[in-house]
Every structure is written in C-alpha cells, then in structure tokens.
Amino acid sequence: MINITYKNITEFNRAHQLPKPENPLFCIANKKLSADEIDNCVASNEEICYTNQFYFISLKNIVSGEIIYGRTKYDCDTGALLFSAPDQAYIVKDIVVSSESWFIAFHEDFIRGFDIQKRIRNYNFFNYYVNEALHLSPKEEQTIKSVFRNIEAEYHNNQDEFSKEIILTHLEALLRYADRFYKRQFLNRKEINKALFTRFKEILDAYFESNRLEENGIPTVEWLANQLGVSHRYMRDTIKTETGKTAVDQINLYLIEEAKNLLLAPNSTISETAYKLGFEYPQYFSRLFKKKTGLTPKEYIENAELN
C-alpha cells in the first residue's frame, strides 16, 4: 500500500494537476475530464491511503473502483458528496470519476475566529467514514452544484474586504444543505437503519453472554461502531434517527434491562449485579438505575417481592 499525506492545499493541487490556490488556506476547483480522458484512465491494483491535513469536500460521480475505510467499502455511480476532516485517512483503489468533479479544501486557520469554526464540529458528517458518503438525488446535486458555483465565482473575483465572509456564508450554506440531505438519506434508508440497530443489539447480547461486561467493562460507542464497521458518529446518528434515542441511551437501557433480571436472581446482591454489568463502582450503577427507572435497586427488589 502507498501512503500519501498532503500537508497543505498547494501540495494537494500540485499532485492533482490543479492550479495553484489563490489563497494558501482555501481553494475551490472544478475539474472536467473529456470522454477520452476517462477512457484512458489506467486502473491500478495498488491501494493508496490518503491523509489530508485540512478539511476537504468533494462532489463526484464514481464510474468504477472503490473507496475503503476500515473493513467496509463505498462504491456508487450517483452524485456523491464526501467530507473529510484534518488527518482522516482513507484508502482508494482503481478510482475513475465522471466528467465533472468539484473540490473544496480549507485549512482550520481559514475559519479560525469565525462562527463557522465552532459550528463545524456539530456537522458530524466530517467524521463519518468515507463509505458513508452523502448520495445525492439529481435535484439535490443541482442545488449543491449551484452553491459550489457561487463559491467559485467569489473565489475568482477581485478580492476585497467582503470576499472571505461571502465565501464563508456560501460554505455554511453548503454544510446546512448537506445536513438536510443527510437527514433525508437516513429517513430513506429505514431498512438499512433497522439492520444496523439489530446488529447493534446482537453485538451487545454477545458481549454480555461472553461475560465481557464483567471482565472488560461497559463497551464504548467507539468499540461498538468498530464492530459494525461504521464511524461512531454515523452509528450514533443512525440509531438516533431510528429509535429517537442516542447510542449511549440504548446501551444504558440494555444495562438496565439486564440489571432487572440479575437483581431478582436468588442470592444476588446489588454490588454483584453492578460488577457483572461492568460498573467499577456500585454507586454509579445505583445512580443510573434510579435515573432510568425512578427506583433504587433496593426499592426495585422490594417492590418485586411484594408483587
């Protein structure tokens, strides 16, 4: 495997035969290939791992090949919007794109001190795996392209005191549209969401049945997402869309249901139950149980005995 890291945008543009950026901290490019250029693309069996030390957004159609992150792969022949945060690595193999691709690259310093710097951390899709790209409908693709064109027009305009804020306004609009379209994608993929949530519960069941709760503690969201082959943010958003509760809530609800069974077992103690469920301290378990059920573990046992 070949590993390539782009430390700055100028380096990235040079490698992809794009014009030198007009601003070293921000660049937008619209790359067009002729039919002959696409046909002449030579596929390679070599996998290449890319890492960018800046934010990167691309709009492209994948004609062939695959993009891999972790143990999963992404391939799609419809318009796809991909996001990556600084230092996020992804692997590509035999990629050939369609005639038109858009790219936006910007360094953290470009947005530093502006409201978008705070808000960008709320756009979870920058930390989705690449195979969790946003697949656009034709109408959505045209909307996104219009925003790219607005940014491009301002980028190539004579720079003045208003230029940067106008570009950032359009960039924020692009992110808001992406947020809207991602939510549409989650809703349209109900069967996929259900399958992911079912697998999520199966992993929890297997973890509990193998006594790993007691040995290794409560599984983290990151660990569960890794078992599913998705990013923890994507898993969190999918589960929230499907169930109305966060992944952490679902883990806690699972623990409470298991706790109810364990507490009512003969000769069971509250402390033993807490340790079996992966809690280091019984008081943390009691606090969570009271929060979720309205009863302390002791009160729950007493009520069960009365009934």
Foldseek 3Di string as FASTA:
>chain_A
DAEEEDAWDQSVCVVVVHDRAPDRFKHKDKAFDDPVRLVPDDFDQDKYKYFYQWKKKKWWAWPDWWKDDQPDIAHGRAIWIAIAGHGDIIITGRTGTHGIMMMITGHLVLCPPHPVNVCVVVLCRNVKPRNLIQGDDPVLVVVLVVLSVQLVVLSPPDDDPCSSVSNVVSVVVNSVSVVVSVLVVLVVPLVVLVVLVVVLVVVVVVCLVVLVCLVPNQDDLQVSCSVVVIGSSVNQVSCCSNPVDGPVVVSLVVLLVQLLVQLQDPPGDLVNSCSSRRHPDSVVVQVSNCVVPVDGSVVSNVVVVVD
